[in-house]
Amino acid sequence: MVLGAAASVGTFTFSKDGIAQNALIKIGIIGLDTSHSPAFTKLFNAKNPKAELAGFKVVAAYPYGSRDIESSFKRIPDYIHQVEELGVEIVDSIDSLLSKVDVVLLETNDGKPRLEQALQVIKAKKPFFIDKPVASSYADTLKIYQEAEKNGVPIFSASSLRYLSNAQAVRNDNKIGKVLGCDAFSPATLEPGHPDLFWYGIHGVEILFTVMGPGCESVTRFQTPETEVVVGKWKDGRIGTFRGMRAGKHEYGGTAFGSEGNLVLGNYEGYEPLAIHIAQFFKTGKSPVSDAETLEIYAFMEAADESKRREGASVNLGSIT
């Protein structure tokens, strides 16, 4: 989603050079059932924020959020307390929140209510960052992006793992020359009601796509109770793999292979790099990740579920989209 010069979305205006004219950009959070919500609030509402995060304030939050995933629901009271201490007003409805803010962080941890919540944000014409998972199915994810596009509402989604320094250097700075392949990994815990990789495997899959770029045509998945291995074949013949782990140490990373060398992608670097890109998105109305690439990531994960149902058969992404 890219806005033209001097574009407006609802009450939010972008100047002709792409920078928001508002003196203070007021952020609303939907969903206090994830650690991301207080983490982003601490960054934006800091007494002395980084320069890239200055001019923003989280002013309101609607707590829900999951109502049926215990690991998420039980965190809400503590996260309410944390954000209230940072000056955030707790509201009793999404409509109330939308009347108080310029932009939205849609943080609900549970993907199942995401479509309904996102449609409310889109109807209100508020630019929004939608955290992982975008929704609990590829069909709902596609619907959210289609409705945002149809209504001219800027939307951005990404895992914080996209902004590993080495992954960005490979993608944007020609660090290893032409990318020939990538092996990425992350935890891959499961949550009923979501395709297997949507819940946590998304992090490693996003590392994979950050390095490889879009263009995957088919997926083959191998699974044991403790491990996922998903092999993607790109249209130009390159191979990329994702390893998801439900045992062992909780880590993220991978290796990128290039024409001029190989590079270990490093460790998780926190939420700040993603927050900086969210801030820039809110200022400009331009997502740093194309809608097409985000949708391909979710098609990749949905195709992995189909491969599982077919006992490891190769699944073409075209059959999902």
Protein backbone atom coordinates (compact mmCIF):
# COMPACT_ATOMS: atom_id res chain seq x y z
CA MET A 1 0.00 0.00 0.00
CA VAL A 2 1.58 3.27 -1.14
CA LEU A 3 -0.06 6.65 -0.77
CA GLY A 4 0.45 9.52 -3.15
CA ALA A 5 1.46 13.08 -2.30
CA ALA A 6 -0.66 14.96 0.24
CA ALA A 7 -2.88 11.90 0.72
CA SER A 8 -5.37 11.57 3.59
CA VAL A 9 -6.67 8.48 5.35
CA GLY A 10 -9.54 9.29 7.69
CA THR A 11 -8.31 12.11 9.93
CA PHE A 12 -4.65 11.25 9.24
CA THR A 13 -2.82 13.35 6.65
CA PHE A 14 0.42 12.69 4.82
CA SER A 15 2.24 15.73 3.42
CA LYS A 16 3.48 15.92 -0.15
CA ASP A 17 6.93 14.71 0.92
CA GLY A 18 5.34 11.65 2.56
CA ILE A 19 5.82 12.70 6.19
CA ALA A 20 2.81 12.90 8.48
CA GLN A 21 1.86 16.46 9.37
CA ASN A 22 0.49 15.65 12.83
CA ALA A 23 2.56 17.18 15.65
CA LEU A 24 1.94 14.09 17.78
CA ILE A 25 0.94 10.80 16.21
CA LYS A 26 -1.45 9.08 18.62
CA ILE A 27 -1.21 5.27 18.62
CA GLY A 28 -3.92 2.87 19.75
CA ILE A 29 -3.29 -0.77 20.63
CA ILE A 30 -5.81 -3.55 20.08
CA GLY A 31 -4.90 -6.60 22.18
CA LEU A 32 -3.03 -6.68 25.48
CA ASP A 33 -2.60 -10.46 25.42
CA THR A 34 0.93 -10.42 24.01
CA SER A 35 4.28 -9.20 25.31
CA HIS A 36 4.60 -7.14 22.13
CA SER A 37 2.05 -4.62 23.41
CA PRO A 38 3.93 -3.43 26.53
CA ALA A 39 7.24 -3.75 24.64
CA PHE A 40 6.12 -1.36 21.89
CA THR A 41 4.52 0.97 24.44
CA LYS A 42 7.77 1.21 26.40
CA LEU A 43 9.62 2.16 23.21
CA PHE A 44 7.14 4.77 21.97
CA ASN A 45 6.30 6.25 25.39
CA ALA A 46 9.85 6.41 26.72
CA LYS A 47 10.88 9.69 28.37
CA ASN A 48 13.74 9.97 25.90
CA PRO A 49 12.86 7.76 22.92
CA LYS A 50 15.22 7.13 20.05
CA ALA A 51 15.04 9.89 17.48
CA GLU A 52 13.24 7.61 15.02
CA LEU A 53 10.48 6.97 17.59
CA ALA A 54 9.99 10.56 18.73
CA GLY A 55 6.66 12.23 17.96
CA PHE A 56 4.57 9.16 18.81
CA LYS A 57 2.61 8.18 21.89
CA VAL A 58 0.49 5.15 22.69
CA VAL A 59 -2.57 6.84 24.18
CA ALA A 60 -5.23 4.11 24.34
CA ALA A 61 -5.54 0.34 24.40
CA TYR A 62 -8.38 -2.16 24.07
CA PRO A 63 -7.27 -5.28 26.00
CA TYR A 64 -8.92 -8.11 24.04
CA GLY A 65 -7.32 -10.04 22.73
CA SER A 66 -7.79 -13.71 23.05
CA ARG A 67 -10.64 -14.92 25.18
CA ASP A 68 -9.97 -18.65 24.79
CA ILE A 69 -6.19 -19.18 24.62
CA GLU A 70 -5.21 -19.40 28.27
CA SER A 71 -1.52 -18.61 27.76
CA SER A 72 -2.59 -15.30 26.17
CA PHE A 73 -5.72 -14.47 28.15
CA LYS A 74 -4.10 -14.85 31.56
CA ARG A 75 -1.49 -12.18 30.72
CA ILE A 76 -4.03 -9.43 30.08
CA PRO A 77 -4.36 -8.09 33.67
CA ASP A 78 -0.59 -7.69 34.05
CA TYR A 79 -0.21 -6.05 30.65
CA ILE A 80 -3.09 -3.66 31.44
CA HIS A 81 -1.18 -2.63 34.56
CA GLN A 82 2.08 -2.20 32.65
CA VAL A 83 0.67 0.06 29.95
CA GLU A 84 -1.44 2.10 32.38
CA GLU A 85 1.78 2.95 34.22
CA LEU A 86 3.05 4.32 30.91
CA GLY A 87 0.09 6.69 30.58
CA VAL A 88 -2.17 4.58 28.37
CA GLU A 89 -5.96 4.81 28.74
CA ILE A 90 -7.78 1.46 28.78
CA VAL A 91 -11.00 1.58 26.75
CA ASP A 92 -13.94 -0.81 26.60
CA SER A 93 -14.39 -1.13 22.84
CA ILE A 94 -12.51 -0.91 19.58
CA ASP A 95 -14.87 1.86 18.42
CA SER A 96 -13.92 3.93 21.46
CA LEU A 97 -10.23 3.35 20.78
CA LEU A 98 -10.54 4.32 17.12
CA SER A 99 -12.13 7.66 18.06
CA LYS A 100 -9.03 8.60 20.10
CA VAL A 101 -6.11 7.64 17.82
CA ASP A 102 -4.47 8.34 14.48
CA VAL A 103 -2.93 4.91 13.84
CA VAL A 104 -3.26 1.39 15.24
CA LEU A 105 -1.08 -1.48 16.40
CA LEU A 106 -3.31 -4.55 15.99
CA GLU A 107 -1.57 -6.86 18.46
CA THR A 108 -4.20 -9.46 19.37
CA ASN A 109 -2.18 -12.66 19.83
CA ASP A 110 -5.01 -14.91 18.67
CA GLY A 111 -5.43 -14.93 14.90
CA LYS A 112 -9.10 -15.96 15.01
CA PRO A 113 -10.63 -12.52 15.80
CA ARG A 114 -8.15 -10.65 13.60
CA LEU A 115 -10.38 -10.35 10.52
CA GLU A 116 -13.27 -8.82 12.46
CA GLN A 117 -10.94 -6.44 14.30
CA ALA A 118 -9.03 -5.44 11.18
CA LEU A 119 -12.26 -4.65 9.32
CA GLN A 120 -13.21 -2.21 12.09
CA VAL A 121 -9.86 -0.47 11.73
CA ILE A 122 -10.18 -0.34 7.95
CA LYS A 123 -13.72 1.05 8.16
CA ALA A 124 -12.37 3.84 10.39
CA LYS A 125 -9.65 4.58 7.80
CA LYS A 126 -6.78 4.21 10.31
CA PRO A 127 -3.34 3.13 9.03
CA PHE A 128 -2.33 0.02 10.96
CA PHE A 129 0.46 -2.37 11.73
CA ILE A 130 -0.92 -5.89 12.14
CA ASP A 131 1.33 -8.20 14.11
CA LYS A 132 1.83 -11.91 13.57
CA PRO A 133 -0.17 -13.89 12.74
CA VAL A 134 -2.14 -11.61 10.44
CA ALA A 135 -5.07 -14.02 10.84
CA SER A 136 -5.81 -17.69 11.50
CA SER A 137 -6.02 -18.68 7.83
CA TYR A 138 -4.69 -17.63 4.47
CA ALA A 139 -8.24 -16.78 3.36
CA ASP A 140 -8.70 -14.31 6.25
CA THR A 141 -5.24 -12.84 5.67
CA LEU A 142 -6.04 -12.28 1.99
CA LYS A 143 -9.39 -10.70 2.89
CA ILE A 144 -7.73 -8.22 5.27
CA TYR A 145 -5.24 -7.13 2.62
CA GLN A 146 -7.90 -6.90 -0.07
CA GLU A 147 -10.16 -4.75 2.10
CA ALA A 148 -7.26 -2.48 3.09
CA GLU A 149 -6.35 -2.05 -0.57
CA LYS A 150 -9.95 -1.41 -1.62
CA ASN A 151 -10.40 1.25 1.06
CA GLY A 152 -7.01 2.92 0.59
CA VAL A 153 -5.85 2.11 4.13
CA PRO A 154 -2.09 1.57 4.63
CA ILE A 155 -1.24 -1.80 6.20
CA PHE A 156 2.08 -3.33 7.27
CA SER A 157 2.89 -6.68 8.85
CA ALA A 158 6.21 -8.29 9.75
CA SER A 159 7.92 -10.41 12.35
CA SER A 160 10.64 -8.64 14.30
CA LEU A 161 12.96 -11.36 12.98
CA ARG A 162 12.84 -9.74 9.53
CA TYR A 163 15.12 -7.07 10.95
CA LEU A 164 18.07 -9.23 11.93
CA SER A 165 21.02 -7.08 10.87
CA ASN A 166 22.64 -9.76 8.73
CA ALA A 167 19.36 -10.70 7.06
CA GLN A 168 18.85 -7.06 6.10
CA ALA A 169 22.45 -6.81 4.87
CA VAL A 170 21.91 -9.83 2.63
CA ARG A 171 18.60 -8.50 1.31
CA ASN A 172 19.51 -4.84 0.84
CA ASP A 173 23.31 -4.44 0.81
CA ASN A 174 24.53 -7.25 -1.45
CA LYS A 175 26.43 -8.66 1.53
CA ILE A 176 27.04 -12.10 -0.04
CA GLY A 177 26.38 -11.31 -3.68
CA LYS A 178 23.55 -13.16 -5.39
CA VAL A 179 21.52 -15.17 -2.88
CA LEU A 180 21.66 -18.85 -3.79
CA GLY A 181 19.74 -20.28 -0.85
CA CYS A 182 18.91 -20.04 2.83
CA ASP A 183 18.35 -22.34 5.79
CA ALA A 184 16.32 -20.57 8.51
CA PHE A 185 15.12 -21.79 11.89
CA SER A 186 12.94 -20.77 14.83
CA PRO A 187 10.74 -22.29 17.50
CA ALA A 188 7.51 -23.72 16.09
CA THR A 189 5.08 -24.24 18.96
CA LEU A 190 1.54 -25.05 17.88
CA GLU A 191 -1.85 -23.57 18.77
CA PRO A 192 -5.19 -25.19 17.80
CA GLY A 193 -7.28 -23.09 15.46
CA HIS A 194 -4.25 -21.91 13.46
CA PRO A 195 -2.29 -23.55 10.65
CA ASP A 196 0.73 -25.08 12.37
CA LEU A 197 3.36 -22.53 11.32
CA PHE A 198 1.20 -19.42 11.77
CA TRP A 199 1.56 -19.39 15.55
CA TYR A 200 5.34 -19.36 15.96
CA GLY A 201 6.97 -20.81 12.88
CA ILE A 202 6.15 -17.51 11.18
CA HIS A 203 9.33 -16.04 12.69
CA GLY A 204 11.68 -18.45 10.95
CA VAL A 205 9.64 -18.39 7.75
CA GLU A 206 9.93 -14.61 7.67
CA ILE A 207 13.71 -14.87 8.09
CA LEU A 208 13.70 -17.22 5.10
CA PHE A 209 11.71 -14.81 2.92
CA THR A 210 13.73 -11.80 4.04
CA VAL A 211 16.81 -13.49 2.59
CA MET A 212 15.29 -15.26 -0.41
CA GLY A 213 12.68 -12.69 -1.42
CA PRO A 214 9.34 -13.71 -2.97
CA GLY A 215 8.99 -16.21 -5.79
CA CYS A 216 8.47 -19.54 -4.04
CA GLU A 217 6.48 -21.92 -6.22
CA SER A 218 6.19 -25.14 -4.18
CA VAL A 219 6.52 -26.48 -0.66
CA THR A 220 7.28 -29.90 0.80
CA ARG A 221 6.95 -30.51 4.55
CA PHE A 222 8.40 -33.16 6.83
CA GLN A 223 7.21 -33.37 10.45
CA THR A 224 7.90 -35.26 13.66
CA PRO A 225 6.47 -34.44 17.11
CA GLU A 226 9.50 -32.26 17.87
CA THR A 227 10.58 -30.92 14.47
CA GLU A 228 9.36 -29.33 11.26
CA VAL A 229 11.38 -29.17 8.05
CA VAL A 230 9.78 -27.30 5.17
CA VAL A 231 11.57 -27.15 1.82
CA GLY A 232 10.60 -24.40 -0.59
CA LYS A 233 11.50 -24.37 -4.27
CA TRP A 234 11.71 -20.92 -5.86
CA LYS A 235 10.76 -20.25 -9.48
CA ASP A 236 14.40 -19.60 -10.43
CA GLY A 237 15.48 -23.03 -9.09
CA ARG A 238 16.80 -21.88 -5.71
CA ILE A 239 16.02 -23.90 -2.59
CA GLY A 240 15.20 -22.45 0.83
CA THR A 241 14.42 -24.37 4.00
CA PHE A 242 12.72 -23.68 7.31
CA ARG A 243 13.42 -25.78 10.41
CA GLY A 244 10.91 -25.41 13.22
CA MET A 245 11.73 -26.77 16.66
CA ARG A 246 9.59 -27.82 19.60
CA ALA A 247 12.50 -29.19 21.62
CA GLY A 248 15.91 -27.81 22.53
CA LYS A 249 16.91 -24.21 23.05
CA HIS A 250 14.52 -21.41 22.07
CA GLU A 251 16.56 -19.62 19.36
CA TYR A 252 16.18 -17.95 15.96
CA GLY A 253 18.56 -17.64 13.04
CA GLY A 254 19.86 -19.29 9.92
CA THR A 255 22.51 -19.30 7.23
CA ALA A 256 22.36 -17.46 3.91
CA PHE A 257 24.30 -18.85 0.96
CA GLY A 258 25.54 -16.51 -1.75
CA SER A 259 27.68 -16.25 -4.84
CA GLU A 260 30.36 -14.40 -2.87
CA GLY A 261 30.16 -16.29 0.43
CA ASN A 262 27.91 -17.55 3.18
CA LEU A 263 26.68 -15.72 6.27
CA VAL A 264 25.30 -16.80 9.62
CA LEU A 265 22.28 -14.61 10.22
CA GLY A 266 22.80 -14.02 13.93
CA ASN A 267 20.59 -13.82 16.98
CA TYR A 268 17.33 -12.07 17.81
CA GLU A 269 17.88 -8.32 18.25
CA GLY A 270 14.70 -7.26 20.07
CA TYR A 271 11.68 -5.17 19.08
CA GLU A 272 13.38 -1.83 18.50
CA PRO A 273 14.38 -2.37 14.84
CA LEU A 274 10.80 -3.34 13.99
CA ALA A 275 9.40 -0.40 15.98
CA ILE A 276 11.57 1.98 13.97
CA HIS A 277 10.13 0.60 10.72
CA ILE A 278 6.61 0.84 12.12
CA ALA A 279 7.23 4.49 12.99
CA GLN A 280 8.47 5.21 9.48
CA PHE A 281 5.43 3.42 8.06
CA PHE A 282 3.12 5.54 10.19
CA LYS A 283 4.88 8.71 8.99
CA THR A 284 4.82 7.85 5.29
CA GLY A 285 1.94 5.47 4.73
CA LYS A 286 4.34 3.19 2.84
CA SER A 287 4.87 -0.39 4.02
CA PRO A 288 8.50 -1.56 3.91
CA VAL A 289 7.25 -5.03 2.96
CA SER A 290 5.05 -5.45 -0.09
CA ASP A 291 1.56 -6.85 0.29
CA ALA A 292 2.49 -9.54 -2.23
CA GLU A 293 5.46 -10.76 -0.20
CA THR A 294 3.48 -10.91 3.04
CA LEU A 295 0.69 -12.85 1.35
CA GLU A 296 3.24 -15.26 -0.13
CA ILE A 297 4.65 -15.94 3.33
CA TYR A 298 1.19 -16.95 4.54
CA ALA A 299 0.54 -19.01 1.41
CA PHE A 300 3.86 -20.81 2.07
CA MET A 301 2.75 -21.70 5.60
CA GLU A 302 -0.75 -22.75 4.48
CA ALA A 303 0.81 -24.89 1.74
CA ALA A 304 2.98 -26.54 4.40
CA ASP A 305 -0.21 -27.62 6.20
CA GLU A 306 -1.57 -29.03 2.94
CA SER A 307 1.69 -30.93 2.40
CA LYS A 308 1.28 -32.41 5.89
CA ARG A 309 -2.25 -33.54 5.02
CA ARG A 310 -0.85 -35.16 1.87
CA GLU A 311 1.87 -36.96 3.90
CA GLY A 312 4.73 -34.84 2.60
CA ALA A 313 3.68 -34.39 -1.02
CA SER A 314 4.84 -31.25 -2.82
CA VAL A 315 2.19 -28.51 -2.88
CA ASN A 316 2.18 -25.67 -5.39
CA LEU A 317 1.55 -22.25 -3.86
CA GLY A 318 -0.75 -21.51 -6.78
CA SER A 319 -3.20 -24.06 -5.41
CA ILE A 320 -3.42 -22.01 -2.19
CA THR A 321 -3.72 -18.55 -3.70
